[in-house]
Every structure is written in structure tokens, then in C-alpha cells.
Protein backbone atom coordinates (compact mmCIF):
# COMPACT_ATOMS: atom_id res chain seq x y z
CA MET A 1 -1.40 82.37 58.30
CA MET A 2 -2.15 79.26 60.28
CA LEU A 3 -4.20 78.75 63.41
CA GLU A 4 -2.78 76.16 65.79
CA LEU A 5 -4.57 74.81 68.87
CA THR A 6 -3.20 72.27 71.34
CA PHE A 7 -5.47 70.08 73.44
CA LYS A 8 -4.35 67.86 76.32
CA LEU A 9 -5.60 64.30 75.91
CA THR A 10 -5.94 62.33 79.13
CA PRO A 11 -7.40 58.93 78.24
CA GLU A 12 -8.63 56.50 80.89
CA GLU A 13 -6.02 54.04 79.67
CA GLY A 14 -2.66 55.10 78.32
CA GLU A 15 -0.37 58.06 78.66
CA PRO A 16 -1.52 61.69 78.49
CA ARG A 17 -0.42 63.49 75.32
CA ASP A 18 -1.04 66.59 73.23
CA VAL A 19 -3.38 66.67 70.25
CA VAL A 20 -2.58 69.49 67.83
CA VAL A 21 -5.08 71.00 65.39
CA ARG A 22 -3.77 73.22 62.59
CA ILE A 23 -6.11 75.18 60.33
CA HIS A 24 -4.13 76.44 57.36
CA GLU A 25 -4.69 79.53 55.25
CA PRO A 26 -7.61 79.21 52.81
CA THR A 27 -6.78 78.86 49.13
CA ARG A 28 -8.84 79.67 46.07
CA ASN A 29 -10.02 76.73 43.99
CA PRO A 30 -10.14 76.83 40.18
CA PRO A 31 -13.27 78.57 38.82
CA GLU A 32 -14.87 75.31 37.63
CA LYS A 33 -14.93 73.83 41.15
CA LYS A 34 -18.23 73.76 43.07
CA TRP A 35 -16.66 75.40 46.16
CA PRO A 36 -14.50 78.46 45.46
CA TRP A 37 -12.38 78.14 48.64
CA ALA A 38 -10.58 75.27 50.40
CA VAL A 39 -8.74 74.96 53.70
CA THR A 40 -6.52 72.15 54.99
CA VAL A 41 -7.09 71.03 58.56
CA ASP A 42 -4.48 68.84 60.27
CA ILE A 43 -5.89 66.96 63.23
CA ASP A 44 -3.14 65.22 65.16
CA GLY A 45 -1.03 65.03 61.99
CA ARG A 46 -3.84 63.79 59.72
CA PRO A 47 -4.73 66.31 57.01
CA SER A 48 -8.16 66.76 55.50
CA THR A 49 -9.71 69.45 53.34
CA THR A 50 -12.89 71.41 53.91
CA TYR A 51 -14.51 73.91 51.57
CA GLY A 52 -16.49 77.12 51.65
CA VAL A 53 -18.14 79.81 49.60
CA ASP A 54 -15.60 82.37 50.86
CA PRO A 55 -12.38 82.24 52.92
CA LEU A 56 -14.10 82.66 56.29
CA ASP A 57 -16.70 80.01 55.44
CA ALA A 58 -13.89 77.57 54.60
CA VAL A 59 -12.13 78.30 57.92
CA GLU A 60 -15.42 77.97 59.84
CA ASN A 61 -16.14 74.63 58.17
CA GLY A 62 -12.60 73.48 58.98
CA ALA A 63 -13.05 74.38 62.65
CA GLN A 64 -16.41 72.60 62.79
CA HIS A 65 -14.88 69.53 61.15
CA ALA A 66 -12.07 69.49 63.73
CA ALA A 67 -14.55 69.83 66.61
CA ILE A 68 -16.70 66.96 65.32
CA VAL A 69 -13.69 64.67 64.80
CA LEU A 70 -12.09 65.48 68.18
CA ARG A 71 -15.34 65.07 70.08
CA GLY A 72 -16.18 61.85 68.25
CA VAL A 73 -12.76 60.25 68.70
CA HIS A 74 -11.70 61.51 72.14
CA GLY A 75 -14.95 62.52 73.85
CA ASP A 76 -14.52 64.00 77.30
CA ALA A 77 -10.79 63.18 77.53
CA LEU A 78 -9.76 66.57 76.05
CA ASP A 79 -8.69 69.70 77.87
CA PRO A 80 -10.06 72.18 77.04
CA PRO A 81 -13.23 70.18 76.40
CA ILE A 82 -15.03 70.16 73.06
CA GLU A 83 -18.76 70.64 73.40
CA PRO A 84 -21.08 68.42 71.35
CA ARG A 85 -22.01 70.03 68.02
CA MET A 86 -25.66 70.95 67.60
CA LYS A 87 -27.40 70.48 64.31
CA GLU A 88 -28.44 73.63 62.49
CA GLY A 89 -31.80 74.90 63.70
CA GLN A 90 -31.45 73.59 67.28
């Protein structure tokens, strides 16, 4: 299983292009690890790993990580747009 999303990037300067986000299938970490589950998130070809207490938590954290990175790097130049992330409790 892998979730793949494509965003259109239209910067003020430069050529429009696609930005692809891939959230891979969660994997179980060894029992001694703090977080039992991990998921790899590729953002425009750059992989990173997020963690969770269960598979869905790991996927959710991966999606939140991707949203924060995309919004922070590309701002309003993405289609569909990424809304600013709110801090927990707001």
C-alpha cells in the first residue's frame, strides 16, 4: 500500500511543475524502540520517516509532516492548496 498525491506548483518565478507526496505502508519497529510503528514519507523525492503508536497514527503523523513541509516551503503556490496547520488545542 502506498498513498500518492500530486500537487501543481506554480511559483511566481520559474516553471510550473508537479510535487509528488508518497506515504508508504507503515512498518513495525523492533520492540525496544520508543515508537512501535514507522512510515516513510517522500516529499518531492526526499524521504523522511515519521512514527506513531499504531499504524494509523504513523500515517497521520506522516501526512501532517508532509502538510507542514509543503506549506512551509511552497506556501500558496500549490494546487490544491495546503491550509496552515493549527496547533493542538486551537
